[in-house]
PDB file of N, CA and C in Angstrom:
ATOM      1  N   MET A   1      -0.971   7.989   0.289  1.00  0.00           N
ATOM      2  CA  MET A   1       0.340   8.258   0.852  1.00  0.00           C
ATOM      3  C   MET A   1       0.908   6.954   1.394  1.00  0.00           C
ATOM      4  N   VAL A   2       2.184   6.759   1.174  1.00  0.00           N
ATOM      5  CA  VAL A   2       2.888   5.612   1.738  1.00  0.00           C
ATOM      6  C   VAL A   2       3.841   6.163   2.783  1.00  0.00           C
ATOM      7  N   THR A   3       3.978   5.474   3.905  1.00  0.00           N
ATOM      8  CA  THR A   3       4.852   5.962   4.969  1.00  0.00           C
ATOM      9  C   THR A   3       6.249   6.232   4.423  1.00  0.00           C
ATOM     10  N   THR A   4       6.925   7.183   5.024  1.00  0.00           N
ATOM     11  CA  THR A   4       8.224   7.624   4.535  1.00  0.00           C
ATOM     12  C   THR A   4       9.326   6.624   4.841  1.00  0.00           C
ATOM     13  N   GLY A   5      10.462   6.819   4.164  1.00  0.00           N
ATOM     14  CA  GLY A   5      11.586   5.912   4.325  1.00  0.00           C
ATOM     15  C   GLY A   5      11.468   4.774   3.330  1.00  0.00           C
ATOM     16  N   ALA A   6      12.532   4.057   3.139  1.00  0.00           N
ATOM     17  CA  ALA A   6      12.530   2.929   2.212  1.00  0.00           C
ATOM     18  C   ALA A   6      13.008   1.685   2.955  1.00  0.00           C
ATOM     19  N   PRO A   7      12.133   0.714   3.110  1.00  0.00           N
ATOM     20  CA  PRO A   7      12.541  -0.504   3.815  1.00  0.00           C
ATOM     21  C   PRO A   7      13.374  -1.400   2.908  1.00  0.00           C
ATOM     22  N   THR A   8      14.007  -2.353   3.495  1.00  0.00           N
ATOM     23  CA  THR A   8      14.654  -3.400   2.720  1.00  0.00           C
ATOM     24  C   THR A   8      13.620  -4.489   2.477  1.00  0.00           C
ATOM     25  N   ALA A   9      13.919  -5.377   1.531  1.00  0.00           N
ATOM     26  CA  ALA A   9      13.040  -6.514   1.290  1.00  0.00           C
ATOM     27  C   ALA A   9      12.883  -7.276   2.599  1.00  0.00           C
ATOM     28  N   GLY A  10      11.668  -7.708   2.881  1.00  0.00           N
ATOM     29  CA  GLY A  10      11.378  -8.389   4.137  1.00  0.00           C
ATOM     30  C   GLY A  10      10.828  -7.455   5.198  1.00  0.00           C
ATOM     31  N   GLY A  11      10.813  -6.143   4.932  1.00  0.00           N
ATOM     32  CA  GLY A  11      10.282  -5.163   5.882  1.00  0.00           C
ATOM     33  C   GLY A  11       8.787  -4.956   5.696  1.00  0.00           C
ATOM     34  N   GLU A  12       8.283  -3.834   6.190  1.00  0.00           N
ATOM     35  CA  GLU A  12       6.872  -3.495   6.066  1.00  0.00           C
ATOM     36  C   GLU A  12       6.706  -2.057   5.612  1.00  0.00           C
ATOM     37  N   ARG A  13       5.554  -1.774   4.991  1.00  0.00           N
ATOM     38  CA  ARG A  13       5.152  -0.423   4.612  1.00  0.00           C
ATOM     39  C   ARG A  13       3.720  -0.235   5.080  1.00  0.00           C
ATOM     40  N   THR A  14       3.316   1.002   5.231  1.00  0.00           N
ATOM     41  CA  THR A  14       1.919   1.318   5.532  1.00  0.00           C
ATOM     42  C   THR A  14       1.428   2.319   4.507  1.00  0.00           C
ATOM     43  N   VAL A  15       0.281   2.045   3.933  1.00  0.00           N
ATOM     44  CA  VAL A  15      -0.354   2.978   3.010  1.00  0.00           C
ATOM     45  C   VAL A  15      -1.537   3.604   3.742  1.00  0.00           C
ATOM     46  N   ILE A  16      -1.726   4.909   3.544  1.00  0.00           N
ATOM     47  CA  ILE A  16      -2.803   5.660   4.177  1.00  0.00           C
ATOM     48  C   ILE A  16      -3.549   6.403   3.086  1.00  0.00           C
ATOM     49  N   GLY A  17      -4.869   6.294   3.084  1.00  0.00           N
ATOM     50  CA  GLY A  17      -5.678   6.984   2.089  1.00  0.00           C
ATOM     51  C   GLY A  17      -6.815   7.735   2.745  1.00  0.00           C
ATOM     52  N   THR A  18      -7.264   8.803   2.086  1.00  0.00           N
ATOM     53  CA  THR A  18      -8.376   9.606   2.587  1.00  0.00           C
ATOM     54  C   THR A  18      -9.368   9.863   1.449  1.00  0.00           C
ATOM     55  N   GLY A  19     -10.543  10.342   1.807  1.00  0.00           N
ATOM     56  CA  GLY A  19     -11.535  10.714   0.812  1.00  0.00           C
ATOM     57  C   GLY A  19     -12.464   9.585   0.399  1.00  0.00           C
ATOM     58  N   PHE A  20     -12.456   8.501   1.140  1.00  0.00           N
ATOM     59  CA  PHE A  20     -13.338   7.386   0.835  1.00  0.00           C
ATOM     60  C   PHE A  20     -14.656   7.562   1.582  1.00  0.00           C
ATOM     61  N   GLU A  21     -15.677   6.831   1.150  1.00  0.00           N
ATOM     62  CA  GLU A  21     -16.949   6.834   1.865  1.00  0.00           C
ATOM     63  C   GLU A  21     -16.789   5.982   3.122  1.00  0.00           C
ATOM     64  N   PRO A  22     -17.343   6.428   4.259  1.00  0.00           N
ATOM     65  CA  PRO A  22     -17.271   5.604   5.468  1.00  0.00           C
ATOM     66  C   PRO A  22     -17.812   4.195   5.193  1.00  0.00           C
ATOM     67  N   GLY A  23     -17.071   3.178   5.625  1.00  0.00           N
ATOM     68  CA  GLY A  23     -17.462   1.791   5.442  1.00  0.00           C
ATOM     69  C   GLY A  23     -17.118   1.215   4.074  1.00  0.00           C
ATOM     70  N   GLU A  24     -16.566   2.033   3.188  1.00  0.00           N
ATOM     71  CA  GLU A  24     -16.243   1.570   1.841  1.00  0.00           C
ATOM     72  C   GLU A  24     -15.084   0.578   1.869  1.00  0.00           C
ATOM     73  N   VAL A  25     -15.206  -0.498   1.106  1.00  0.00           N
ATOM     74  CA  VAL A  25     -14.149  -1.494   0.995  1.00  0.00           C
ATOM     75  C   VAL A  25     -13.157  -1.029  -0.070  1.00  0.00           C
ATOM     76  N   VAL A  26     -11.878  -1.058   0.310  1.00  0.00           N
ATOM     77  CA  VAL A  26     -10.809  -0.596  -0.574  1.00  0.00           C
ATOM     78  C   VAL A  26      -9.813  -1.739  -0.764  1.00  0.00           C
ATOM     79  N   LEU A  27      -9.553  -2.095  -2.020  1.00  0.00           N
ATOM     80  CA  LEU A  27      -8.574  -3.136  -2.333  1.00  0.00           C
ATOM     81  C   LEU A  27      -7.189  -2.517  -2.404  1.00  0.00           C
ATOM     82  N   VAL A  28      -6.192  -3.250  -1.932  1.00  0.00           N
ATOM     83  CA  VAL A  28      -4.811  -2.774  -1.905  1.00  0.00           C
ATOM     84  C   VAL A  28      -3.970  -3.692  -2.796  1.00  0.00           C
ATOM     85  N   ALA A  29      -3.395  -3.110  -3.851  1.00  0.00           N
ATOM     86  CA  ALA A  29      -2.553  -3.880  -4.770  1.00  0.00           C
ATOM     87  C   ALA A  29      -1.116  -3.387  -4.667  1.00  0.00           C
ATOM     88  N   ILE A  30      -0.196  -4.326  -4.632  1.00  0.00           N
ATOM     89  CA  ILE A  30       1.227  -4.014  -4.621  1.00  0.00           C
ATOM     90  C   ILE A  30       1.777  -4.421  -5.981  1.00  0.00           C
ATOM     91  N   ASP A  31       2.357  -3.461  -6.690  1.00  0.00           N
ATOM     92  CA  ASP A  31       2.869  -3.723  -8.040  1.00  0.00           C
ATOM     93  C   ASP A  31       1.819  -4.435  -8.900  1.00  0.00           C
ATOM     94  N   ARG A  32       0.583  -3.908  -8.848  1.00  0.00           N
ATOM     95  CA  ARG A  32      -0.562  -4.389  -9.637  1.00  0.00           C
ATOM     96  C   ARG A  32      -1.084  -5.767  -9.229  1.00  0.00           C
ATOM     97  N   ASP A  33      -0.671  -6.264  -8.085  1.00  0.00           N
ATOM     98  CA  ASP A  33      -1.121  -7.557  -7.580  1.00  0.00           C
ATOM     99  C   ASP A  33      -1.979  -7.316  -6.337  1.00  0.00           C
ATOM    100  N   THR A  34      -3.300  -7.469  -6.473  1.00  0.00           N
ATOM    101  CA  THR A  34      -4.210  -7.219  -5.356  1.00  0.00           C
ATOM    102  C   THR A  34      -4.068  -8.322  -4.321  1.00  0.00           C
ATOM    103  N   ARG A  35      -3.689  -7.917  -3.108  1.00  0.00           N
ATOM    104  CA  ARG A  35      -3.443  -8.882  -2.042  1.00  0.00           C
ATOM    105  C   ARG A  35      -4.220  -8.594  -0.766  1.00  0.00           C
ATOM    106  N   TYR A  36      -4.627  -7.348  -0.559  1.00  0.00           N
ATOM    107  CA  TYR A  36      -5.178  -6.957   0.739  1.00  0.00           C
ATOM    108  C   TYR A  36      -6.410  -6.096   0.537  1.00  0.00           C
ATOM    109  N   GLN A  37      -7.124  -5.885   1.628  1.00  0.00           N
ATOM    110  CA  GLN A  37      -8.231  -4.944   1.607  1.00  0.00           C
ATOM    111  C   GLN A  37      -8.265  -4.186   2.914  1.00  0.00           C
ATOM    112  N   ALA A  38      -8.928  -3.057   2.879  1.00  0.00           N
ATOM    113  CA  ALA A  38      -9.119  -2.222   4.062  1.00  0.00           C
ATOM    114  C   ALA A  38     -10.543  -1.682   3.995  1.00  0.00           C
ATOM    115  N   VAL A  39     -11.061  -1.253   5.129  1.00  0.00           N
ATOM    116  CA  VAL A  39     -12.389  -0.654   5.184  1.00  0.00           C
ATOM    117  C   VAL A  39     -12.232   0.754   5.720  1.00  0.00           C
ATOM    118  N   ALA A  40     -12.820   1.722   5.006  1.00  0.00           N
ATOM    119  CA  ALA A  40     -12.730   3.126   5.421  1.00  0.00           C
ATOM    120  C   ALA A  40     -13.443   3.328   6.756  1.00  0.00           C
ATOM    121  N   ASP A  41     -12.798   4.114   7.613  1.00  0.00           N
ATOM    122  CA  ASP A  41     -13.395   4.401   8.928  1.00  0.00           C
ATOM    123  C   ASP A  41     -14.491   5.452   8.797  1.00  0.00           C
ATOM    124  N   ASP A  42     -15.010   5.919   9.928  1.00  0.00           N
ATOM    125  CA  ASP A  42     -16.122   6.885   9.941  1.00  0.00           C
ATOM    126  C   ASP A  42     -15.776   8.210   9.279  1.00  0.00           C
ATOM    127  N   THR A  43     -14.484   8.510   9.138  1.00  0.00           N
ATOM    128  CA  THR A  43     -14.074   9.770   8.512  1.00  0.00           C
ATOM    129  C   THR A  43     -13.583   9.573   7.076  1.00  0.00           C
ATOM    130  N   GLY A  44     -13.682   8.331   6.547  1.00  0.00           N
ATOM    131  CA  GLY A  44     -13.270   8.070   5.172  1.00  0.00           C
ATOM    132  C   GLY A  44     -11.794   7.777   4.997  1.00  0.00           C
ATOM    133  N   HIS A  45     -11.090   7.478   6.088  1.00  0.00           N
ATOM    134  CA  HIS A  45      -9.666   7.153   6.039  1.00  0.00           C
ATOM    135  C   HIS A  45      -9.465   5.632   6.024  1.00  0.00           C
ATOM    136  N   VAL A  46      -8.428   5.195   5.310  1.00  0.00           N
ATOM    137  CA  VAL A  46      -8.008   3.799   5.363  1.00  0.00           C
ATOM    138  C   VAL A  46      -6.518   3.757   5.666  1.00  0.00           C
ATOM    139  N   SER A  47      -6.111   2.693   6.318  1.00  0.00           N
ATOM    140  CA  SER A  47      -4.703   2.466   6.618  1.00  0.00           C
ATOM    141  C   SER A  47      -4.471   0.963   6.569  1.00  0.00           C
ATOM    142  N   ARG A  48      -3.419   0.561   5.861  1.00  0.00           N
ATOM    143  CA  ARG A  48      -3.122  -0.872   5.752  1.00  0.00           C
ATOM    144  C   ARG A  48      -1.618  -1.074   5.732  1.00  0.00           C
ATOM    145  N   THR A  49      -1.129  -1.881   6.639  1.00  0.00           N
ATOM    146  CA  THR A  49       0.287  -2.258   6.660  1.00  0.00           C
ATOM    147  C   THR A  49       0.424  -3.537   5.848  1.00  0.00           C
ATOM    148  N   PHE A  50       1.464  -3.585   5.026  1.00  0.00           N
ATOM    149  CA  PHE A  50       1.685  -4.762   4.197  1.00  0.00           C
ATOM    150  C   PHE A  50       3.169  -5.113   4.189  1.00  0.00           C
ATOM    151  N   PRO A  51       3.485  -6.399   3.999  1.00  0.00           N
ATOM    152  CA  PRO A  51       4.888  -6.799   3.968  1.00  0.00           C
ATOM    153  C   PRO A  51       5.529  -6.459   2.632  1.00  0.00           C
ATOM    154  N   VAL A  52       6.800  -6.133   2.673  1.00  0.00           N
ATOM    155  CA  VAL A  52       7.604  -6.015   1.463  1.00  0.00           C
ATOM    156  C   VAL A  52       8.272  -7.373   1.322  1.00  0.00           C
ATOM    157  N   TYR A  53       7.874  -8.107   0.321  1.00  0.00           N
ATOM    158  CA  TYR A  53       8.340  -9.487   0.191  1.00  0.00           C
ATOM    159  C   TYR A  53       9.855  -9.575   0.143  1.00  0.00           C
ATOM    160  N   ALA A  54      10.378 -10.656   0.680  1.00  0.00           N
ATOM    161  CA  ALA A  54      11.823 -10.875   0.708  1.00  0.00           C
ATOM    162  C   ALA A  54      12.415 -10.912  -0.694  1.00  0.00           C
ATOM    163  N   THR A  55      11.588 -11.199  -1.692  1.00  0.00           N
ATOM    164  CA  THR A  55      12.057 -11.270  -3.080  1.00  0.00           C
ATOM    165  C   THR A  55      11.919  -9.942  -3.820  1.00  0.00           C
ATOM    166  N   ALA A  56      11.445  -8.892  -3.138  1.00  0.00           N
ATOM    167  CA  ALA A  56      11.246  -7.595  -3.793  1.00  0.00           C
ATOM    168  C   ALA A  56      12.577  -7.026  -4.272  1.00  0.00           C
ATOM    169  N   ALA A  57      12.578  -6.561  -5.512  1.00  0.00           N
ATOM    170  CA  ALA A  57      13.785  -5.971  -6.091  1.00  0.00           C
ATOM    171  C   ALA A  57      14.013  -4.574  -5.529  1.00  0.00           C
ATOM    172  N   GLU A  58      15.254  -4.166  -5.474  1.00  0.00           N
ATOM    173  CA  GLU A  58      15.599  -2.805  -5.057  1.00  0.00           C
ATOM    174  C   GLU A  58      15.013  -1.834  -6.075  1.00  0.00           C
ATOM    175  N   GLY A  59      14.530  -0.685  -5.589  1.00  0.00           N
ATOM    176  CA  GLY A  59      14.021   0.350  -6.491  1.00  0.00           C
ATOM    177  C   GLY A  59      12.577   0.707  -6.214  1.00  0.00           C
ATOM    178  N   ALA A  60      11.930   1.280  -7.229  1.00  0.00           N
ATOM    179  CA  ALA A  60      10.569   1.800  -7.093  1.00  0.00           C
ATOM    180  C   ALA A  60       9.528   0.698  -7.257  1.00  0.00           C
ATOM    181  N   HIS A  61       8.488   0.790  -6.427  1.00  0.00           N
ATOM    182  CA  HIS A  61       7.347  -0.110  -6.476  1.00  0.00           C
ATOM    183  C   HIS A  61       6.091   0.738  -6.308  1.00  0.00           C
ATOM    184  N   THR A  62       4.923   0.160  -6.618  1.00  0.00           N
ATOM    185  CA  THR A  62       3.679   0.911  -6.472  1.00  0.00           C
ATOM    186  C   THR A  62       2.727   0.212  -5.517  1.00  0.00           C
ATOM    187  N   VAL A  63       1.901   1.036  -4.874  1.00  0.00           N
ATOM    188  CA  VAL A  63       0.766   0.544  -4.097  1.00  0.00           C
ATOM    189  C   VAL A  63      -0.446   1.293  -4.630  1.00  0.00           C
ATOM    190  N   GLU A  64      -1.512   0.545  -4.859  1.00  0.00           N
ATOM    191  CA  GLU A  64      -2.716   1.099  -5.475  1.00  0.00           C
ATOM    192  C   GLU A  64      -3.916   0.803  -4.592  1.00  0.00           C
ATOM    193  N   LEU A  65      -4.726   1.825  -4.332  1.00  0.00           N
ATOM    194  CA  LEU A  65      -5.964   1.680  -3.572  1.00  0.00           C
ATOM    195  C   LEU A  65      -7.122   1.823  -4.549  1.00  0.00           C
ATOM    196  N   THR A  66      -8.021   0.845  -4.578  1.00  0.00           N
ATOM    197  CA  THR A  66      -9.168   0.884  -5.492  1.00  0.00           C
ATOM    198  C   THR A  66     -10.433   0.560  -4.717  1.00  0.00           C
ATOM    199  N   THR A  67     -11.436   1.424  -4.859  1.00  0.00           N
ATOM    200  CA  THR A  67     -12.704   1.164  -4.188  1.00  0.00           C
ATOM    201  C   THR A  67     -13.457   0.072  -4.937  1.00  0.00           C
ATOM    202  N   VAL A  68     -14.120  -0.787  -4.187  1.00  0.00           N
ATOM    203  CA  VAL A  68     -14.847  -1.897  -4.796  1.00  0.00           C
ATOM    204  C   VAL A  68     -16.110  -1.398  -5.491  1.00  0.00           C
ATOM    205  N   THR A  69     -16.857  -0.515  -4.842  1.00  0.00           N
ATOM    206  CA  THR A  69     -18.156  -0.116  -5.381  1.00  0.00           C
ATOM    207  C   THR A  69     -18.081   1.002  -6.418  1.00  0.00           C
ATOM    208  N   ARG A  70     -17.169   1.949  -6.252  1.00  0.00           N
ATOM    209  CA  ARG A  70     -17.118   3.097  -7.166  1.00  0.00           C
ATOM    210  C   ARG A  70     -15.993   3.000  -8.182  1.00  0.00           C
ATOM    211  N   GLY A  71     -15.034   2.103  -7.956  1.00  0.00           N
ATOM    212  CA  GLY A  71     -13.940   1.938  -8.906  1.00  0.00           C
ATOM    213  C   GLY A  71     -12.928   3.075  -8.932  1.00  0.00           C
ATOM    214  N   HIS A  72     -12.931   3.924  -7.906  1.00  0.00           N
ATOM    215  CA  HIS A  72     -11.946   5.003  -7.831  1.00  0.00           C
ATOM    216  C   HIS A  72     -10.589   4.427  -7.438  1.00  0.00           C
ATOM    217  N   THR A  73      -9.532   4.973  -8.021  1.00  0.00           N
ATOM    218  CA  THR A  73      -8.185   4.447  -7.792  1.00  0.00           C
ATOM    219  C   THR A  73      -7.220   5.566  -7.449  1.00  0.00           C
ATOM    220  N   ALA A  74      -6.303   5.279  -6.520  1.00  0.00           N
ATOM    221  CA  ALA A  74      -5.188   6.174  -6.187  1.00  0.00           C
ATOM    222  C   ALA A  74      -3.924   5.317  -6.168  1.00  0.00           C
ATOM    223  N   VAL A  75      -2.837   5.852  -6.719  1.00  0.00           N
ATOM    224  CA  VAL A  75      -1.574   5.118  -6.810  1.00  0.00           C
ATOM    225  C   VAL A  75      -0.469   5.945  -6.180  1.00  0.00           C
ATOM    226  N   ALA A  76       0.416   5.275  -5.437  1.00  0.00           N
ATOM    227  CA  ALA A  76       1.598   5.936  -4.853  1.00  0.00           C
ATOM    228  C   ALA A  76       2.797   5.024  -5.058  1.00  0.00           C
ATOM    229  N   GLU A  77       3.965   5.628  -5.129  1.00  0.00           N
ATOM    230  CA  GLU A  77       5.202   4.857  -5.240  1.00  0.00           C
ATOM    231  C   GLU A  77       5.896   4.781  -3.889  1.00  0.00           C
ATOM    232  N   PHE A  78       6.639   3.702  -3.703  1.00  0.00           N
ATOM    233  CA  PHE A  78       7.513   3.581  -2.545  1.00  0.00           C
ATOM    234  C   PHE A  78       8.781   2.883  -3.000  1.00  0.00           C
ATOM    235  N   GLY A  79       9.862   3.131  -2.283  1.00  0.00           N
ATOM    236  CA  GLY A  79      11.142   2.546  -2.644  1.00  0.00           C
ATOM    237  C   GLY A  79      11.508   1.386  -1.742  1.00  0.00           C
ATOM    238  N   VAL A  80      12.321   0.496  -2.286  1.00  0.00           N
ATOM    239  CA  VAL A  80      12.875  -0.622  -1.518  1.00  0.00           C
ATOM    240  C   VAL A  80      14.388  -0.530  -1.632  1.00  0.00           C
ATOM    241  N   ARG A  81      15.075  -0.549  -0.493  1.00  0.00           N
ATOM    242  CA  ARG A  81      16.543  -0.512  -0.459  1.00  0.00           C
ATOM    243  C   ARG A  81      17.101  -1.916  -0.577  1.00  0.00           C
ATOM    244  N   ALA A  82      18.327  -1.987  -1.039  1.00  0.00           N
ATOM    245  CA  ALA A  82      19.025  -3.277  -1.081  1.00  0.00           C
ATOM    246  C   ALA A  82      19.306  -3.714   0.341  1.00  0.00           C
ATOM    247  N   ASN A  83      19.249  -5.009   0.563  1.00  0.00           N
ATOM    248  CA  ASN A  83      19.621  -5.550   1.872  1.00  0.00           C
ATOM    249  C   ASN A  83      21.115  -5.364   2.077  1.00  0.00           C
ATOM    250  N   SER A  84      21.497  -5.051   3.299  1.00  0.00           N
ATOM    251  CA  SER A  84      22.917  -4.903   3.632  1.00  0.00           C
ATOM    252  C   SER A  84      23.565  -6.278   3.663  1.00  0.00           C
ATOM    253  N   PRO A  85      24.797  -6.379   3.176  1.00  0.00           N
ATOM    254  CA  PRO A  85      25.484  -7.679   3.251  1.00  0.00           C
ATOM    255  C   PRO A  85      25.719  -8.071   4.701  1.00  0.00           C
ATOM    256  N   SER A  86      25.609  -9.349   4.979  1.00  0.00           N
ATOM    257  CA  SER A  86      25.788  -9.839   6.363  1.00  0.00           C
ATOM    258  C   SER A  86      27.250 -10.049   6.681  1.00  0.00           C
TER     259      SER A  86
END
């Protein structure tokens, strides 16, 4: 799950995942580019906040969670709004 709402480029998003093994390392990829990692807590949950790059195009993007040891993957979409003119 990705937090609700659509940020503008330069904002932040948070991805939340469940069903992982406690202590499992989970890689976080944005639009298929692995940039971050998270470690599942005692209940198998992960949460990772990541920046929406200032160069991100308006529209749909993906965030993917992949376990390092088991190779399980979950994908969610999130939207990016156009920046308001100054």
